[in-house]
Amino acid sequence: MDFLSNTTHFHIFTWVVGIIVFLVSAFMANGSKGKKITHMIARLFYVLILVSGVFLFIKGMDYGEGMLYGFKFLMGLLTIGMMEMVLIRSEKGKKVTTFWILFFVFLFLTMFLGFKLPMGIELF
């Protein structure tokens, strides 16, 4: 396997684990120590997702699809932002319905582009 393939697999691994940790943290009881720990682990995975995503974004320029890779990167940032907003606002006891909806919309767009672009897996 080449370096790009390894990076793609690492990126997929980090966002799968990141989303699982986010969902676990989101459904834990507010104020619990476990929620704080899983929230910090989710933040670690946000960083790993961003680092591997930046590398893939830079490599995506070689495919001549720079604008779409830029849009995917933006959608990924917004997805992570909504994940963080859900966790922070739920901890404060505020409504998070809008942020859940935005999270799923941005996640769908990010995953659709990720699979559709040349470095992705051809599902569509």
PDB file of N, CA and C in Angstrom:
ATOM      1  N   MET A   1       0.835  -1.184   0.000  1.00  0.00           N
ATOM      2  CA  MET A   1       0.000   0.000   0.000  1.00  0.00           C
ATOM      3  C   MET A   1       0.881   1.250   0.000  1.00  0.00           C
ATOM      4  N   ASP A   2       0.415   2.256  -0.707  1.00  0.00           N
ATOM      5  CA  ASP A   2       1.184   3.484  -0.756  1.00  0.00           C
ATOM      6  C   ASP A   2       0.767   4.418   0.380  1.00  0.00           C
ATOM      7  N   PHE A   3       1.502   5.527   0.492  1.00  0.00           N
ATOM      8  CA  PHE A   3       1.290   6.464   1.591  1.00  0.00           C
ATOM      9  C   PHE A   3      -0.094   7.102   1.539  1.00  0.00           C
ATOM     10  N   LEU A   4      -0.568   7.444   0.325  1.00  0.00           N
ATOM     11  CA  LEU A   4      -1.884   8.061   0.187  1.00  0.00           C
ATOM     12  C   LEU A   4      -2.989   7.110   0.626  1.00  0.00           C
ATOM     13  N   SER A   5      -2.855   5.846   0.263  1.00  0.00           N
ATOM     14  CA  SER A   5      -3.850   4.858   0.668  1.00  0.00           C
ATOM     15  C   SER A   5      -3.875   4.709   2.185  1.00  0.00           C
ATOM     16  N   ASN A   6      -2.689   4.692   2.802  1.00  0.00           N
ATOM     17  CA  ASN A   6      -2.623   4.593   4.260  1.00  0.00           C
ATOM     18  C   ASN A   6      -3.256   5.808   4.916  1.00  0.00           C
ATOM     19  N   THR A   7      -3.010   6.987   4.356  1.00  0.00           N
ATOM     20  CA  THR A   7      -3.596   8.202   4.910  1.00  0.00           C
ATOM     21  C   THR A   7      -5.110   8.186   4.770  1.00  0.00           C
ATOM     22  N   THR A   8      -5.602   7.714   3.635  1.00  0.00           N
ATOM     23  CA  THR A   8      -7.049   7.625   3.435  1.00  0.00           C
ATOM     24  C   THR A   8      -7.666   6.672   4.453  1.00  0.00           C
ATOM     25  N   HIS A   9      -7.046   5.532   4.663  1.00  0.00           N
ATOM     26  CA  HIS A   9      -7.564   4.578   5.643  1.00  0.00           C
ATOM     27  C   HIS A   9      -7.498   5.158   7.056  1.00  0.00           C
ATOM     28  N   PHE A  10      -6.416   5.874   7.371  1.00  0.00           N
ATOM     29  CA  PHE A  10      -6.300   6.509   8.689  1.00  0.00           C
ATOM     30  C   PHE A  10      -7.401   7.556   8.866  1.00  0.00           C
ATOM     31  N   HIS A  11      -7.664   8.333   7.812  1.00  0.00           N
ATOM     32  CA  HIS A  11      -8.698   9.362   7.881  1.00  0.00           C
ATOM     33  C   HIS A  11     -10.077   8.730   8.114  1.00  0.00           C
ATOM     34  N   ILE A  12     -10.371   7.672   7.387  1.00  0.00           N
ATOM     35  CA  ILE A  12     -11.651   6.985   7.571  1.00  0.00           C
ATOM     36  C   ILE A  12     -11.755   6.413   8.985  1.00  0.00           C
ATOM     37  N   PHE A  13     -10.671   5.794   9.465  1.00  0.00           N
ATOM     38  CA  PHE A  13     -10.662   5.253  10.825  1.00  0.00           C
ATOM     39  C   PHE A  13     -10.932   6.349  11.852  1.00  0.00           C
ATOM     40  N   THR A  14     -10.270   7.515  11.688  1.00  0.00           N
ATOM     41  CA  THR A  14     -10.436   8.575  12.685  1.00  0.00           C
ATOM     42  C   THR A  14     -11.841   9.146  12.684  1.00  0.00           C
ATOM     43  N   TRP A  15     -12.465   9.318  11.497  1.00  0.00           N
ATOM     44  CA  TRP A  15     -13.813   9.867  11.553  1.00  0.00           C
ATOM     45  C   TRP A  15     -14.837   8.850  12.015  1.00  0.00           C
ATOM     46  N   VAL A  16     -14.628   7.581  11.749  1.00  0.00           N
ATOM     47  CA  VAL A  16     -15.561   6.567  12.271  1.00  0.00           C
ATOM     48  C   VAL A  16     -15.485   6.526  13.801  1.00  0.00           C
ATOM     49  N   VAL A  17     -14.262   6.445  14.326  1.00  0.00           N
ATOM     50  CA  VAL A  17     -14.104   6.412  15.787  1.00  0.00           C
ATOM     51  C   VAL A  17     -14.559   7.742  16.399  1.00  0.00           C
ATOM     52  N   GLY A  18     -14.232   8.857  15.744  1.00  0.00           N
ATOM     53  CA  GLY A  18     -14.640  10.168  16.247  1.00  0.00           C
ATOM     54  C   GLY A  18     -16.150  10.302  16.355  1.00  0.00           C
ATOM     55  N   ILE A  19     -16.865   9.832  15.349  1.00  0.00           N
ATOM     56  CA  ILE A  19     -18.333   9.915  15.385  1.00  0.00           C
ATOM     57  C   ILE A  19     -18.895   9.000  16.468  1.00  0.00           C
ATOM     58  N   ILE A  20     -18.324   7.814  16.619  1.00  0.00           N
ATOM     59  CA  ILE A  20     -18.790   6.898  17.677  1.00  0.00           C
ATOM     60  C   ILE A  20     -18.571   7.514  19.051  1.00  0.00           C
ATOM     61  N   VAL A  21     -17.379   8.064  19.287  1.00  0.00           N
ATOM     62  CA  VAL A  21     -17.082   8.685  20.585  1.00  0.00           C
ATOM     63  C   VAL A  21     -18.001   9.893  20.808  1.00  0.00           C
ATOM     64  N   PHE A  22     -18.235  10.675  19.760  1.00  0.00           N
ATOM     65  CA  PHE A  22     -19.150  11.819  19.862  1.00  0.00           C
ATOM     66  C   PHE A  22     -20.548  11.354  20.277  1.00  0.00           C
ATOM     67  N   LEU A  23     -21.072  10.322  19.616  1.00  0.00           N
ATOM     68  CA  LEU A  23     -22.416   9.844  19.937  1.00  0.00           C
ATOM     69  C   LEU A  23     -22.496   9.288  21.359  1.00  0.00           C
ATOM     70  N   VAL A  24     -21.451   8.574  21.775  1.00  0.00           N
ATOM     71  CA  VAL A  24     -21.417   8.070  23.154  1.00  0.00           C
ATOM     72  C   VAL A  24     -21.454   9.242  24.131  1.00  0.00           C
ATOM     73  N   SER A  25     -20.631  10.245  23.865  1.00  0.00           N
ATOM     74  CA  SER A  25     -20.579  11.411  24.744  1.00  0.00           C
ATOM     75  C   SER A  25     -21.894  12.181  24.733  1.00  0.00           C
ATOM     76  N   ALA A  26     -22.509  12.300  23.577  1.00  0.00           N
ATOM     77  CA  ALA A  26     -23.752  13.068  23.467  1.00  0.00           C
ATOM     78  C   ALA A  26     -24.894  12.432  24.255  1.00  0.00           C
ATOM     79  N   PHE A  27     -24.889  11.111  24.365  1.00  0.00           N
ATOM     80  CA  PHE A  27     -25.996  10.444  25.038  1.00  0.00           C
ATOM     81  C   PHE A  27     -25.689  10.070  26.486  1.00  0.00           C
ATOM     82  N   MET A  28     -24.535  10.477  26.987  1.00  0.00           N
ATOM     83  CA  MET A  28     -24.231  10.263  28.403  1.00  0.00           C
ATOM     84  C   MET A  28     -24.915  11.345  29.246  1.00  0.00           C
ATOM     85  N   ALA A  29     -25.066  11.065  30.527  1.00  0.00           N
ATOM     86  CA  ALA A  29     -25.705  12.015  31.436  1.00  0.00           C
ATOM     87  C   ALA A  29     -24.845  13.266  31.594  1.00  0.00           C
ATOM     88  N   ASN A  30     -25.518  14.422  31.573  1.00  0.00           N
ATOM     89  CA  ASN A  30     -24.803  15.684  31.749  1.00  0.00           C
ATOM     90  C   ASN A  30     -24.123  15.750  33.118  1.00  0.00           C
ATOM     91  N   GLY A  31     -22.933  16.308  33.127  1.00  0.00           N
ATOM     92  CA  GLY A  31     -22.210  16.481  34.376  1.00  0.00           C
ATOM     93  C   GLY A  31     -21.448  15.262  34.854  1.00  0.00           C
ATOM     94  N   SER A  32     -21.583  14.138  34.177  1.00  0.00           N
ATOM     95  CA  SER A  32     -20.863  12.937  34.615  1.00  0.00           C
ATOM     96  C   SER A  32     -19.398  13.031  34.201  1.00  0.00           C
ATOM     97  N   LYS A  33     -18.563  12.374  34.976  1.00  0.00           N
ATOM     98  CA  LYS A  33     -17.134  12.378  34.671  1.00  0.00           C
ATOM     99  C   LYS A  33     -16.861  11.661  33.348  1.00  0.00           C
ATOM    100  N   GLY A  34     -17.637  10.615  33.066  1.00  0.00           N
ATOM    101  CA  GLY A  34     -17.471   9.878  31.817  1.00  0.00           C
ATOM    102  C   GLY A  34     -17.757  10.741  30.602  1.00  0.00           C
ATOM    103  N   LYS A  35     -18.734  11.644  30.726  1.00  0.00           N
ATOM    104  CA  LYS A  35     -19.054  12.534  29.608  1.00  0.00           C
ATOM    105  C   LYS A  35     -17.887  13.479  29.347  1.00  0.00           C
ATOM    106  N   LYS A  36     -17.271  13.981  30.396  1.00  0.00           N
ATOM    107  CA  LYS A  36     -16.133  14.891  30.218  1.00  0.00           C
ATOM    108  C   LYS A  36     -14.955  14.166  29.573  1.00  0.00           C
ATOM    109  N   ILE A  37     -14.735  12.930  29.984  1.00  0.00           N
ATOM    110  CA  ILE A  37     -13.616  12.154  29.422  1.00  0.00           C
ATOM    111  C   ILE A  37     -13.871  11.840  27.952  1.00  0.00           C
ATOM    112  N   THR A  38     -15.082  11.372  27.630  1.00  0.00           N
ATOM    113  CA  THR A  38     -15.371  11.055  26.231  1.00  0.00           C
ATOM    114  C   THR A  38     -15.377  12.317  25.361  1.00  0.00           C
ATOM    115  N   HIS A  39     -15.769  13.453  25.939  1.00  0.00           N
ATOM    116  CA  HIS A  39     -15.717  14.708  25.197  1.00  0.00           C
ATOM    117  C   HIS A  39     -14.265  15.060  24.854  1.00  0.00           C
ATOM    118  N   MET A  40     -13.363  14.876  25.779  1.00  0.00           N
ATOM    119  CA  MET A  40     -11.944  15.159  25.512  1.00  0.00           C
ATOM    120  C   MET A  40     -11.373  14.174  24.484  1.00  0.00           C
ATOM    121  N   ILE A  41     -11.790  12.922  24.548  1.00  0.00           N
ATOM    122  CA  ILE A  41     -11.341  11.942  23.547  1.00  0.00           C
ATOM    123  C   ILE A  41     -11.888  12.333  22.172  1.00  0.00           C
ATOM    124  N   ALA A  42     -13.136  12.795  22.127  1.00  0.00           N
ATOM    125  CA  ALA A  42     -13.722  13.253  20.851  1.00  0.00           C
ATOM    126  C   ALA A  42     -12.910  14.414  20.296  1.00  0.00           C
ATOM    127  N   ARG A  43     -12.493  15.337  21.152  1.00  0.00           N
ATOM    128  CA  ARG A  43     -11.675  16.471  20.701  1.00  0.00           C
ATOM    129  C   ARG A  43     -10.341  16.006  20.132  1.00  0.00           C
ATOM    130  N   LEU A  44      -9.750  14.990  20.739  1.00  0.00           N
ATOM    131  CA  LEU A  44      -8.508  14.428  20.199  1.00  0.00           C
ATOM    132  C   LEU A  44      -8.745  13.893  18.795  1.00  0.00           C
ATOM    133  N   PHE A  45      -9.847  13.198  18.608  1.00  0.00           N
ATOM    134  CA  PHE A  45     -10.150  12.667  17.282  1.00  0.00           C
ATOM    135  C   PHE A  45     -10.492  13.773  16.288  1.00  0.00           C
ATOM    136  N   TYR A  46     -11.080  14.890  16.751  1.00  0.00           N
ATOM    137  CA  TYR A  46     -11.295  16.024  15.850  1.00  0.00           C
ATOM    138  C   TYR A  46      -9.961  16.484  15.264  1.00  0.00           C
ATOM    139  N   VAL A  47      -8.950  16.577  16.123  1.00  0.00           N
ATOM    140  CA  VAL A  47      -7.629  17.022  15.669  1.00  0.00           C
ATOM    141  C   VAL A  47      -7.049  16.026  14.666  1.00  0.00           C
ATOM    142  N   LEU A  48      -7.154  14.732  14.975  1.00  0.00           N
ATOM    143  CA  LEU A  48      -6.638  13.713  14.057  1.00  0.00           C
ATOM    144  C   LEU A  48      -7.383  13.736  12.718  1.00  0.00           C
ATOM    145  N   ILE A  49      -8.697  13.954  12.769  1.00  0.00           N
ATOM    146  CA  ILE A  49      -9.489  14.052  11.540  1.00  0.00           C
ATOM    147  C   ILE A  49      -9.015  15.253  10.722  1.00  0.00           C
ATOM    148  N   LEU A  50      -8.806  16.380  11.394  1.00  0.00           N
ATOM    149  CA  LEU A  50      -8.375  17.586  10.684  1.00  0.00           C
ATOM    150  C   LEU A  50      -6.984  17.438  10.079  1.00  0.00           C
ATOM    151  N   VAL A  51      -6.054  16.846  10.827  1.00  0.00           N
ATOM    152  CA  VAL A  51      -4.692  16.678  10.317  1.00  0.00           C
ATOM    153  C   VAL A  51      -4.684  15.771   9.092  1.00  0.00           C
ATOM    154  N   SER A  52      -5.339  14.625   9.186  1.00  0.00           N
ATOM    155  CA  SER A  52      -5.370  13.728   8.032  1.00  0.00           C
ATOM    156  C   SER A  52      -6.187  14.331   6.891  1.00  0.00           C
ATOM    157  N   GLY A  53      -7.220  15.107   7.228  1.00  0.00           N
ATOM    158  CA  GLY A  53      -8.023  15.772   6.211  1.00  0.00           C
ATOM    159  C   GLY A  53      -7.247  16.841   5.464  1.00  0.00           C
ATOM    160  N   VAL A  54      -6.401  17.592   6.182  1.00  0.00           N
ATOM    161  CA  VAL A  54      -5.563  18.603   5.527  1.00  0.00           C
ATOM    162  C   VAL A  54      -4.606  17.926   4.554  1.00  0.00           C
ATOM    163  N   PHE A  55      -4.018  16.820   4.972  1.00  0.00           N
ATOM    164  CA  PHE A  55      -3.101  16.113   4.078  1.00  0.00           C
ATOM    165  C   PHE A  55      -3.833  15.629   2.826  1.00  0.00           C
ATOM    166  N   LEU A  56      -5.012  15.059   3.001  1.00  0.00           N
ATOM    167  CA  LEU A  56      -5.784  14.589   1.847  1.00  0.00           C
ATOM    168  C   LEU A  56      -6.243  15.758   0.977  1.00  0.00           C
ATOM    169  N   PHE A  57      -6.561  16.884   1.600  1.00  0.00           N
ATOM    170  CA  PHE A  57      -6.939  18.079   0.850  1.00  0.00           C
ATOM    171  C   PHE A  57      -5.786  18.546  -0.038  1.00  0.00           C
ATOM    172  N   ILE A  58      -4.582  18.570   0.515  1.00  0.00           N
ATOM    173  CA  ILE A  58      -3.406  18.977  -0.262  1.00  0.00           C
ATOM    174  C   ILE A  58      -3.168  17.991  -1.398  1.00  0.00           C
ATOM    175  N   LYS A  59      -3.288  16.710  -1.120  1.00  0.00           N
ATOM    176  CA  LYS A  59      -3.118  15.700  -2.162  1.00  0.00           C
ATOM    177  C   LYS A  59      -4.249  15.763  -3.190  1.00  0.00           C
ATOM    178  N   GLY A  60      -5.425  16.213  -2.786  1.00  0.00           N
ATOM    179  CA  GLY A  60      -6.557  16.318  -3.694  1.00  0.00           C
ATOM    180  C   GLY A  60      -6.331  17.321  -4.808  1.00  0.00           C
ATOM    181  N   MET A  61      -5.457  18.273  -4.577  1.00  0.00           N
ATOM    182  CA  MET A  61      -5.135  19.258  -5.616  1.00  0.00           C
ATOM    183  C   MET A  61      -4.510  18.580  -6.838  1.00  0.00           C
ATOM    184  N   ASP A  62      -3.850  17.442  -6.634  1.00  0.00           N
ATOM    185  CA  ASP A  62      -3.231  16.711  -7.744  1.00  0.00           C
ATOM    186  C   ASP A  62      -4.269  16.100  -8.683  1.00  0.00           C
ATOM    187  N   TYR A  63      -5.507  15.964  -8.217  1.00  0.00           N
ATOM    188  CA  TYR A  63      -6.552  15.335  -9.015  1.00  0.00           C
ATOM    189  C   TYR A  63      -7.342  16.346  -9.842  1.00  0.00           C
ATOM    190  N   GLY A  64      -7.011  17.625  -9.728  1.00  0.00           N
ATOM    191  CA  GLY A  64      -7.707  18.640 -10.498  1.00  0.00           C
ATOM    192  C   GLY A  64      -9.116  18.930 -10.014  1.00  0.00           C
ATOM    193  N   GLU A  65      -9.426  18.550  -8.799  1.00  0.00           N
ATOM    194  CA  GLU A  65     -10.758  18.765  -8.215  1.00  0.00           C
ATOM    195  C   GLU A  65     -10.638  19.644  -6.972  1.00  0.00           C
ATOM    196  N   GLY A  66      -9.785  20.662  -7.054  1.00  0.00           N
ATOM    197  CA  GLY A  66      -9.479  21.482  -5.879  1.00  0.00           C
ATOM    198  C   GLY A  66     -10.679  22.125  -5.233  1.00  0.00           C
ATOM    199  N   MET A  67     -11.601  22.646  -6.052  1.00  0.00           N
ATOM    200  CA  MET A  67     -12.759  23.323  -5.492  1.00  0.00           C
ATOM    201  C   MET A  67     -13.655  22.345  -4.727  1.00  0.00           C
ATOM    202  N   LEU A  68     -13.869  21.150  -5.278  1.00  0.00           N
ATOM    203  CA  LEU A  68     -14.700  20.165  -4.584  1.00  0.00           C
ATOM    204  C   LEU A  68     -14.028  19.664  -3.310  1.00  0.00           C
ATOM    205  N   TYR A  69     -12.698  19.474  -3.366  1.00  0.00           N
ATOM    206  CA  TYR A  69     -11.996  19.069  -2.152  1.00  0.00           C
ATOM    207  C   TYR A  69     -12.041  20.179  -1.109  1.00  0.00           C
ATOM    208  N   GLY A  70     -11.987  21.438  -1.564  1.00  0.00           N
ATOM    209  CA  GLY A  70     -12.122  22.564  -0.640  1.00  0.00           C
ATOM    210  C   GLY A  70     -13.502  22.608  -0.007  1.00  0.00           C
ATOM    211  N   PHE A  71     -14.533  22.341  -0.814  1.00  0.00           N
ATOM    212  CA  PHE A  71     -15.895  22.307  -0.297  1.00  0.00           C
ATOM    213  C   PHE A  71     -16.062  21.164   0.694  1.00  0.00           C
ATOM    214  N   LYS A  72     -15.469  20.007   0.400  1.00  0.00           N
ATOM    215  CA  LYS A  72     -15.528  18.864   1.320  1.00  0.00           C
ATOM    216  C   LYS A  72     -14.832  19.212   2.632  1.00  0.00           C
ATOM    217  N   PHE A  73     -13.685  19.888   2.527  1.00  0.00           N
ATOM    218  CA  PHE A  73     -12.958  20.295   3.729  1.00  0.00           C
ATOM    219  C   PHE A  73     -13.809  21.240   4.567  1.00  0.00           C
ATOM    220  N   LEU A  74     -14.475  22.193   3.920  1.00  0.00           N
ATOM    221  CA  LEU A  74     -15.355  23.119   4.629  1.00  0.00           C
ATOM    222  C   LEU A  74     -16.509  22.370   5.299  1.00  0.00           C
ATOM    223  N   MET A  75     -17.119  21.425   4.584  1.00  0.00           N
ATOM    224  CA  MET A  75     -18.213  20.639   5.169  1.00  0.00           C
ATOM    225  C   MET A  75     -17.720  19.822   6.366  1.00  0.00           C
ATOM    226  N   GLY A  76     -16.491  19.293   6.262  1.00  0.00           N
ATOM    227  CA  GLY A  76     -15.910  18.555   7.384  1.00  0.00           C
ATOM    228  C   GLY A  76     -15.706  19.438   8.598  1.00  0.00           C
ATOM    229  N   LEU A  77     -15.212  20.658   8.371  1.00  0.00           N
ATOM    230  CA  LEU A  77     -15.050  21.606   9.480  1.00  0.00           C
ATOM    231  C   LEU A  77     -16.397  21.928  10.121  1.00  0.00           C
ATOM    232  N   LEU A  78     -17.406  22.154   9.297  1.00  0.00           N
ATOM    233  CA  LEU A  78     -18.741  22.452   9.826  1.00  0.00           C
ATOM    234  C   LEU A  78     -19.329  21.254  10.577  1.00  0.00           C
ATOM    235  N   THR A  79     -19.053  20.056  10.095  1.00  0.00           N
ATOM    236  CA  THR A  79     -19.522  18.851  10.794  1.00  0.00           C
ATOM    237  C   THR A  79     -18.913  18.784  12.187  1.00  0.00           C
ATOM    238  N   ILE A  80     -17.595  18.975  12.266  1.00  0.00           N
ATOM    239  CA  ILE A  80     -16.924  18.951  13.570  1.00  0.00           C
ATOM    240  C   ILE A  80     -17.427  20.087  14.454  1.00  0.00           C
ATOM    241  N   GLY A  81     -17.672  21.243  13.851  1.00  0.00           N
ATOM    242  CA  GLY A  81     -18.224  22.360  14.618  1.00  0.00           C
ATOM    243  C   GLY A  81     -19.584  22.033  15.217  1.00  0.00           C
ATOM    244  N   MET A  82     -20.435  21.376  14.438  1.00  0.00           N
ATOM    245  CA  MET A  82     -21.764  21.011  14.949  1.00  0.00           C
ATOM    246  C   MET A  82     -21.657  19.943  16.038  1.00  0.00           C
ATOM    247  N   MET A  83     -20.706  19.027  15.887  1.00  0.00           N
ATOM    248  CA  MET A  83     -20.494  18.018  16.927  1.00  0.00           C
ATOM    249  C   MET A  83     -20.137  18.704  18.246  1.00  0.00           C
ATOM    250  N   GLU A  84     -19.240  19.657  18.164  1.00  0.00           N
ATOM    251  CA  GLU A  84     -18.809  20.371  19.367  1.00  0.00           C
ATOM    252  C   GLU A  84     -19.955  21.207  19.942  1.00  0.00           C
ATOM    253  N   MET A  85     -20.734  21.845  19.078  1.00  0.00           N
ATOM    254  CA  MET A  85     -21.859  22.654  19.558  1.00  0.00           C
ATOM    255  C   MET A  85     -22.900  21.792  20.268  1.00  0.00           C
ATOM    256  N   VAL A  86     -23.154  20.596  19.750  1.00  0.00           N
ATOM    257  CA  VAL A  86     -24.114  19.692  20.404  1.00  0.00           C
ATOM    258  C   VAL A  86     -23.625  19.351  21.805  1.00  0.00           C
ATOM    259  N   LEU A  87     -22.342  18.998  21.922  1.00  0.00           N
ATOM    260  CA  LEU A  87     -21.813  18.603  23.231  1.00  0.00           C
ATOM    261  C   LEU A  87     -21.782  19.771  24.215  1.00  0.00           C
ATOM    262  N   ILE A  88     -21.332  20.921  23.770  1.00  0.00           N
ATOM    263  CA  ILE A  88     -21.223  22.078  24.668  1.00  0.00           C
ATOM    264  C   ILE A  88     -22.603  22.569  25.102  1.00  0.00           C
ATOM    265  N   ARG A  89     -23.505  22.746  24.135  1.00  0.00           N
ATOM    266  CA  ARG A  89     -24.827  23.278  24.477  1.00  0.00           C
ATOM    267  C   ARG A  89     -25.647  22.292  25.309  1.00  0.00           C
ATOM    268  N   SER A  90     -25.489  20.988  25.046  1.00  0.00           N
ATOM    269  CA  SER A  90     -26.238  20.024  25.863  1.00  0.00           C
ATOM    270  C   SER A  90     -25.696  20.014  27.290  1.00  0.00           C
ATOM    271  N   GLU A  91     -24.400  20.220  27.449  1.00  0.00           N
ATOM    272  CA  GLU A  91     -23.804  20.294  28.790  1.00  0.00           C
ATOM    273  C   GLU A  91     -24.362  21.493  29.563  1.00  0.00           C
ATOM    274  N   LYS A  92     -24.642  22.573  28.838  1.00  0.00           N
ATOM    275  CA  LYS A  92     -25.183  23.779  29.466  1.00  0.00           C
ATOM    276  C   LYS A  92     -26.701  23.725  29.616  1.00  0.00           C
ATOM    277  N   GLY A  93     -27.335  22.658  29.105  1.00  0.00           N
ATOM    278  CA  GLY A  93     -28.777  22.506  29.227  1.00  0.00           C
ATOM    279  C   GLY A  93     -29.567  23.300  28.199  1.00  0.00           C
ATOM    280  N   LYS A  94     -28.918  23.733  27.126  1.00  0.00           N
ATOM    281  CA  LYS A  94     -29.602  24.501  26.079  1.00  0.00           C
ATOM    282  C   LYS A  94     -30.116  23.563  24.990  1.00  0.00           C
ATOM    283  N   LYS A  95     -31.032  24.068  24.158  1.00  0.00           N
ATOM    284  CA  LYS A  95     -31.597  23.273  23.068  1.00  0.00           C
ATOM    285  C   LYS A  95     -30.522  22.983  22.017  1.00  0.00           C
ATOM    286  N   VAL A  96     -30.544  21.758  21.511  1.00  0.00           N
ATOM    287  CA  VAL A  96     -29.552  21.352  20.513  1.00  0.00           C
ATOM    288  C   VAL A  96     -30.185  20.762  19.252  1.00  0.00           C
ATOM    289  N   THR A  97     -31.492  20.839  19.120  1.00  0.00           N
ATOM    290  CA  THR A  97     -32.178  20.234  17.981  1.00  0.00           C
ATOM    291  C   THR A  97     -31.635  20.748  16.652  1.00  0.00           C
ATOM    292  N   THR A  98     -31.492  22.050  16.531  1.00  0.00           N
ATOM    293  CA  THR A  98     -30.995  22.646  15.288  1.00  0.00           C
ATOM    294  C   THR A  98     -29.592  22.147  14.968  1.00  0.00           C
ATOM    295  N   PHE A  99     -28.759  22.038  15.994  1.00  0.00           N
ATOM    296  CA  PHE A  99     -27.378  21.598  15.780  1.00  0.00           C
ATOM    297  C   PHE A  99     -27.306  20.120  15.397  1.00  0.00           C
ATOM    298  N   TRP A 100     -28.225  19.308  15.930  1.00  0.00           N
ATOM    299  CA  TRP A 100     -28.293  17.902  15.505  1.00  0.00           C
ATOM    300  C   TRP A 100     -28.664  17.810  14.025  1.00  0.00           C
ATOM    301  N   ILE A 101     -29.644  18.598  13.608  1.00  0.00           N
ATOM    302  CA  ILE A 101     -30.058  18.581  12.205  1.00  0.00           C
ATOM    303  C   ILE A 101     -28.907  19.023  11.311  1.00  0.00           C
ATOM    304  N   LEU A 102     -28.256  20.132  11.680  1.00  0.00           N
ATOM    305  CA  LEU A 102     -27.119  20.617  10.901  1.00  0.00           C
ATOM    306  C   LEU A 102     -25.979  19.606  10.884  1.00  0.00           C
ATOM    307  N   PHE A 103     -25.752  18.935  12.003  1.00  0.00           N
ATOM    308  CA  PHE A 103     -24.711  17.900  12.060  1.00  0.00           C
ATOM    309  C   PHE A 103     -24.981  16.831  11.013  1.00  0.00           C
ATOM    310  N   PHE A 104     -26.210  16.319  10.963  1.00  0.00           N
ATOM    311  CA  PHE A 104     -26.525  15.254  10.006  1.00  0.00           C
ATOM    312  C   PHE A 104     -26.475  15.740   8.561  1.00  0.00           C
ATOM    313  N   VAL A 105     -26.906  16.968   8.303  1.00  0.00           N
ATOM    314  CA  VAL A 105     -26.839  17.522   6.946  1.00  0.00           C
ATOM    315  C   VAL A 105     -25.387  17.659   6.507  1.00  0.00           C
ATOM    316  N   PHE A 106     -24.551  18.270   7.349  1.00  0.00           N
ATOM    317  CA  PHE A 106     -23.138  18.454   7.003  1.00  0.00           C
ATOM    318  C   PHE A 106     -22.410  17.114   6.904  1.00  0.00           C
ATOM    319  N   LEU A 107     -22.756  16.175   7.781  1.00  0.00           N
ATOM    320  CA  LEU A 107     -22.129  14.853   7.728  1.00  0.00           C
ATOM    321  C   LEU A 107     -22.474  14.158   6.414  1.00  0.00           C
ATOM    322  N   PHE A 108     -23.731  14.227   6.021  1.00  0.00           N
ATOM    323  CA  PHE A 108     -24.137  13.618   4.755  1.00  0.00           C
ATOM    324  C   PHE A 108     -23.380  14.228   3.580  1.00  0.00           C
ATOM    325  N   LEU A 109     -23.321  15.562   3.532  1.00  0.00           N
ATOM    326  CA  LEU A 109     -22.622  16.234   2.438  1.00  0.00           C
ATOM    327  C   LEU A 109     -21.135  15.882   2.419  1.00  0.00           C
ATOM    328  N   THR A 110     -20.527  15.843   3.595  1.00  0.00           N
ATOM    329  CA  THR A 110     -19.104  15.513   3.681  1.00  0.00           C
ATOM    330  C   THR A 110     -18.850  14.090   3.207  1.00  0.00           C
ATOM    331  N   MET A 111     -19.667  13.151   3.670  1.00  0.00           N
ATOM    332  CA  MET A 111     -19.470  11.755   3.284  1.00  0.00           C
ATOM    333  C   MET A 111     -19.784  11.548   1.802  1.00  0.00           C
ATOM    334  N   PHE A 112     -20.813  12.210   1.301  1.00  0.00           N
ATOM    335  CA  PHE A 112     -21.144  12.078  -0.117  1.00  0.00           C
ATOM    336  C   PHE A 112     -19.967  12.532  -0.977  1.00  0.00           C
ATOM    337  N   LEU A 113     -19.426  13.706  -0.658  1.00  0.00           N
ATOM    338  CA  LEU A 113     -18.274  14.198  -1.421  1.00  0.00           C
ATOM    339  C   LEU A 113     -17.052  13.311  -1.221  1.00  0.00           C
ATOM    340  N   GLY A 114     -16.847  12.839  -0.004  1.00  0.00           N
ATOM    341  CA  GLY A 114     -15.698  11.985   0.272  1.00  0.00           C
ATOM    342  C   GLY A 114     -15.711  10.707  -0.539  1.00  0.00           C
ATOM    343  N   PHE A 115     -16.883  10.131  -0.710  1.00  0.00           N
ATOM    344  CA  PHE A 115     -16.978   8.904  -1.499  1.00  0.00           C
ATOM    345  C   PHE A 115     -17.022   9.191  -3.000  1.00  0.00           C
ATOM    346  N   LYS A 116     -17.530  10.351  -3.382  1.00  0.00           N
ATOM    347  CA  LYS A 116     -17.691  10.683  -4.799  1.00  0.00           C
ATOM    348  C   LYS A 116     -16.390  11.152  -5.451  1.00  0.00           C
ATOM    349  N   LEU A 117     -15.553  11.846  -4.710  1.00  0.00           N
ATOM    350  CA  LEU A 117     -14.321  12.397  -5.277  1.00  0.00           C
ATOM    351  C   LEU A 117     -13.327  11.276  -5.622  1.00  0.00           C
ATOM    352  N   PRO A 118     -12.355  11.570  -6.508  1.00  0.00           N
ATOM    353  CA  PRO A 118     -11.448  10.530  -7.029  1.00  0.00           C
ATOM    354  C   PRO A 118     -10.695   9.699  -5.976  1.00  0.00           C
ATOM    355  N   MET A 119     -10.348  10.277  -4.817  1.00  0.00           N
ATOM    356  CA  MET A 119      -9.632   9.502  -3.805  1.00  0.00           C
ATOM    357  C   MET A 119     -10.557   8.643  -2.972  1.00  0.00           C
ATOM    358  N   GLY A 120     -11.873   8.799  -3.131  1.00  0.00           N
ATOM    359  CA  GLY A 120     -12.841   8.069  -2.318  1.00  0.00           C
ATOM    360  C   GLY A 120     -13.139   6.690  -2.888  1.00  0.00           C
ATOM    361  N   ILE A 121     -13.976   5.968  -2.166  1.00  0.00           N
ATOM    362  CA  ILE A 121     -14.433   4.640  -2.593  1.00  0.00           C
ATOM    363  C   ILE A 121     -15.633   4.870  -3.518  1.00  0.00           C
ATOM    364  N   GLU A 122     -15.685   4.189  -4.622  1.00  0.00           N
ATOM    365  CA  GLU A 122     -16.750   4.419  -5.589  1.00  0.00           C
ATOM    366  C   GLU A 122     -18.033   3.696  -5.168  1.00  0.00           C
ATOM    367  N   LEU A 123     -18.862   4.421  -4.417  1.00  0.00           N
ATOM    368  CA  LEU A 123     -20.167   3.891  -4.004  1.00  0.00           C
ATOM    369  C   LEU A 123     -21.289   4.429  -4.878  1.00  0.00           C
ATOM    370  N   PHE A 124     -21.092   5.613  -5.454  1.00  0.00           N
ATOM    371  CA  PHE A 124     -22.159   6.275  -6.213  1.00  0.00           C
ATOM    372  C   PHE A 124     -21.817   6.298  -7.689  1.00  0.00           C
TER     373      PHE A 124
END
